[in-house]
Structures are given as C-alpha cells and as structure tokens.
C-alpha atoms as a PDB file:
ATOM      1  CA  VAL A   1       3.045 -22.225  30.277  1.00  0.00           C
ATOM      2  CA  LYS A   2       4.358 -21.325  26.843  1.00  0.00           C
ATOM      3  CA  LEU A   3       4.985 -17.685  27.820  1.00  0.00           C
ATOM      4  CA  ALA A   4       7.516 -18.717  30.455  1.00  0.00           C
ATOM      5  CA  ARG A   5       9.531 -20.627  27.845  1.00  0.00           C
ATOM      6  CA  LEU A   6      10.065 -17.579  25.637  1.00  0.00           C
ATOM      7  CA  SER A   7      13.600 -16.244  25.529  1.00  0.00           C
ATOM      8  CA  HIS A   8      14.266 -13.114  23.479  1.00  0.00           C
ATOM      9  CA  PRO A   9      16.256  -9.965  24.347  1.00  0.00           C
ATOM     10  CA  ASN A  10      13.296  -7.726  23.448  1.00  0.00           C
ATOM     11  CA  ILE A  11      10.620  -9.629  25.358  1.00  0.00           C
ATOM     12  CA  VAL A  12      10.129  -9.282  29.111  1.00  0.00           C
ATOM     13  CA  LYS A  13      10.763 -12.603  30.861  1.00  0.00           C
ATOM     14  CA  VAL A  14       7.624 -14.255  32.268  1.00  0.00           C
ATOM     15  CA  PHE A  15       8.431 -16.480  35.244  1.00  0.00           C
ATOM     16  CA  HIS A  16       4.994 -17.737  36.140  1.00  0.00           C
ATOM     17  CA  TYR A  17       1.380 -17.473  35.023  1.00  0.00           C
ATOM     18  CA  ILE A  18      -1.535 -17.744  37.460  1.00  0.00           C
ATOM     19  CA  PRO A  19      -4.943 -18.279  35.854  1.00  0.00           C
ATOM     20  CA  GLY A  20      -7.922 -16.510  37.398  1.00  0.00           C
ATOM     21  CA  GLU A  21     -11.660 -16.839  36.904  1.00  0.00           C
ATOM     22  CA  THR A  22     -11.978 -14.026  34.367  1.00  0.00           C
ATOM     23  CA  THR A  23      -8.341 -13.035  33.882  1.00  0.00           C
ATOM     24  CA  GLY A  24      -4.814 -14.206  34.495  1.00  0.00           C
ATOM     25  CA  PHE A  25      -1.736 -12.899  36.253  1.00  0.00           C
ATOM     26  CA  MET A  26       1.860 -12.994  35.077  1.00  0.00           C
ATOM     27  CA  ILE A  27       4.907 -12.762  37.305  1.00  0.00           C
ATOM     28  CA  MET A  28       7.509 -11.006  35.167  1.00  0.00           C
ATOM     29  CA  ASP A  29      10.756  -9.082  35.255  1.00  0.00           C
ATOM     30  CA  PHE A  30      10.383  -5.387  36.060  1.00  0.00           C
ATOM     31  CA  VAL A  31      11.684  -3.185  33.259  1.00  0.00           C
ATOM     32  CA  ASP A  32      12.227   0.444  34.167  1.00  0.00           C
ATOM     33  CA  GLY A  33      11.732   2.808  31.278  1.00  0.00           C
ATOM     34  CA  ARG A  34       9.291   4.978  29.426  1.00  0.00           C
ATOM     35  CA  THR A  35       6.416   4.220  27.125  1.00  0.00           C
ATOM     36  CA  LEU A  36       6.437   4.625  23.364  1.00  0.00           C
ATOM     37  CA  ALA A  37       3.782   7.339  23.780  1.00  0.00           C
ATOM     38  CA  ASP A  38       6.105   9.274  26.119  1.00  0.00           C
ATOM     39  CA  HIS A  39       9.002   8.887  23.688  1.00  0.00           C
ATOM     40  CA  LEU A  40       6.907  10.115  20.753  1.00  0.00           C
ATOM     41  CA  ALA A  41       5.618  13.105  22.746  1.00  0.00           C
ATOM     42  CA  GLU A  42       9.189  14.012  23.732  1.00  0.00           C
ATOM     43  CA  CYS A  43      10.337  13.745  20.100  1.00  0.00           C
ATOM     44  CA  ARG A  44       7.464  15.920  18.919  1.00  0.00           C
ATOM     45  CA  ALA A  45       8.229  18.548  21.585  1.00  0.00           C
ATOM     46  CA  ARG A  46      11.974  18.503  20.855  1.00  0.00           C
ATOM     47  CA  LEU A  47      11.751  18.383  17.058  1.00  0.00           C
ATOM     48  CA  ASN A  48       8.495  20.340  16.664  1.00  0.00           C
ATOM     49  CA  ARG A  49       7.362  17.575  14.279  1.00  0.00           C
ATOM     50  CA  PRO A  50       6.657  13.853  14.403  1.00  0.00           C
ATOM     51  CA  PRO A  51       9.751  11.639  14.186  1.00  0.00           C
ATOM     52  CA  THR A  52      10.703  10.292  10.770  1.00  0.00           C
ATOM     53  CA  LEU A  53      10.836   6.591   9.956  1.00  0.00           C
ATOM     54  CA  GLU A  54      14.637   6.712  10.189  1.00  0.00           C
ATOM     55  CA  GLU A  55      14.368   8.244  13.673  1.00  0.00           C
ATOM     56  CA  LEU A  56      11.870   5.545  14.692  1.00  0.00           C
ATOM     57  CA  ARG A  57      13.834   2.649  13.179  1.00  0.00           C
ATOM     58  CA  PRO A  58      15.944   1.995  16.356  1.00  0.00           C
ATOM     59  CA  LEU A  59      12.692   1.525  18.309  1.00  0.00           C
ATOM     60  CA  LEU A  60      10.691  -0.335  15.697  1.00  0.00           C
ATOM     61  CA  GLU A  61      13.220  -2.915  14.524  1.00  0.00           C
ATOM     62  CA  PRO A  62      13.678  -4.586  17.947  1.00  0.00           C
ATOM     63  CA  ALA A  63       9.901  -4.631  18.480  1.00  0.00           C
ATOM     64  CA  LEU A  64       9.293  -6.152  15.050  1.00  0.00           C
ATOM     65  CA  ASP A  65      12.042  -8.709  15.676  1.00  0.00           C
ATOM     66  CA  ALA A  66      10.305  -9.705  18.928  1.00  0.00           C
ATOM     67  CA  LEU A  67       6.950 -10.016  17.114  1.00  0.00           C
ATOM     68  CA  ALA A  68       8.552 -12.224  14.454  1.00  0.00           C
ATOM     69  CA  TYR A  69       9.965 -14.419  17.246  1.00  0.00           C
ATOM     70  CA  LEU A  70       6.510 -14.710  18.857  1.00  0.00           C
ATOM     71  CA  HIS A  71       4.849 -15.583  15.562  1.00  0.00           C
ATOM     72  CA  GLY A  72       7.551 -18.194  14.940  1.00  0.00           C
ATOM     73  CA  ALA A  73       6.662 -19.688  18.334  1.00  0.00           C
ATOM     74  CA  GLY A  74       2.992 -19.908  17.291  1.00  0.00           C
ATOM     75  CA  LEU A  75       1.858 -16.939  19.402  1.00  0.00           C
ATOM     76  CA  VAL A  76       0.088 -13.736  18.379  1.00  0.00           C
ATOM     77  CA  HIS A  77       0.427 -10.465  20.292  1.00  0.00           C
END
C-alpha cells in the first residue's frame, strides 16, 4: 500500500491498511496532541482575537510541506 511507504516528519506513519467492504482501516502511529480547532479556540480566548498569519505560520508551514510531499508522491489529501 502506497500510504505505508510514505516517510515524512509531519505525516503520521501508516503501518498497514486493511480494506473493508465499504471502508478501509489503517493501523498507524498514535500521536498525542490537540486539534487545530482546539489550538485556534485557545488562541482566540487568550488573545481575544483570531491569530494572525505570522502566529499561524509555525503550524501551517509543516502542514503545507507535508501536503507538497504527498502531491509529489502522486497522492491528494
């Protein structure tokens, strides 16, 4: 499975994919953390405004780098 061959620091490692009748299942690394929605809500509560692009840059650049890697591998997220 192509997903299991991906290797990027900002993409969760997929070890195995199990196809189902109407869906599929991936066995992946567990990554403990919070969601982007939680982070944005915390920023809004702390700053009393939405975060600026400069404040979001440390989150967005790694995600965009991972998307570029996927697109280079012929995959679309």
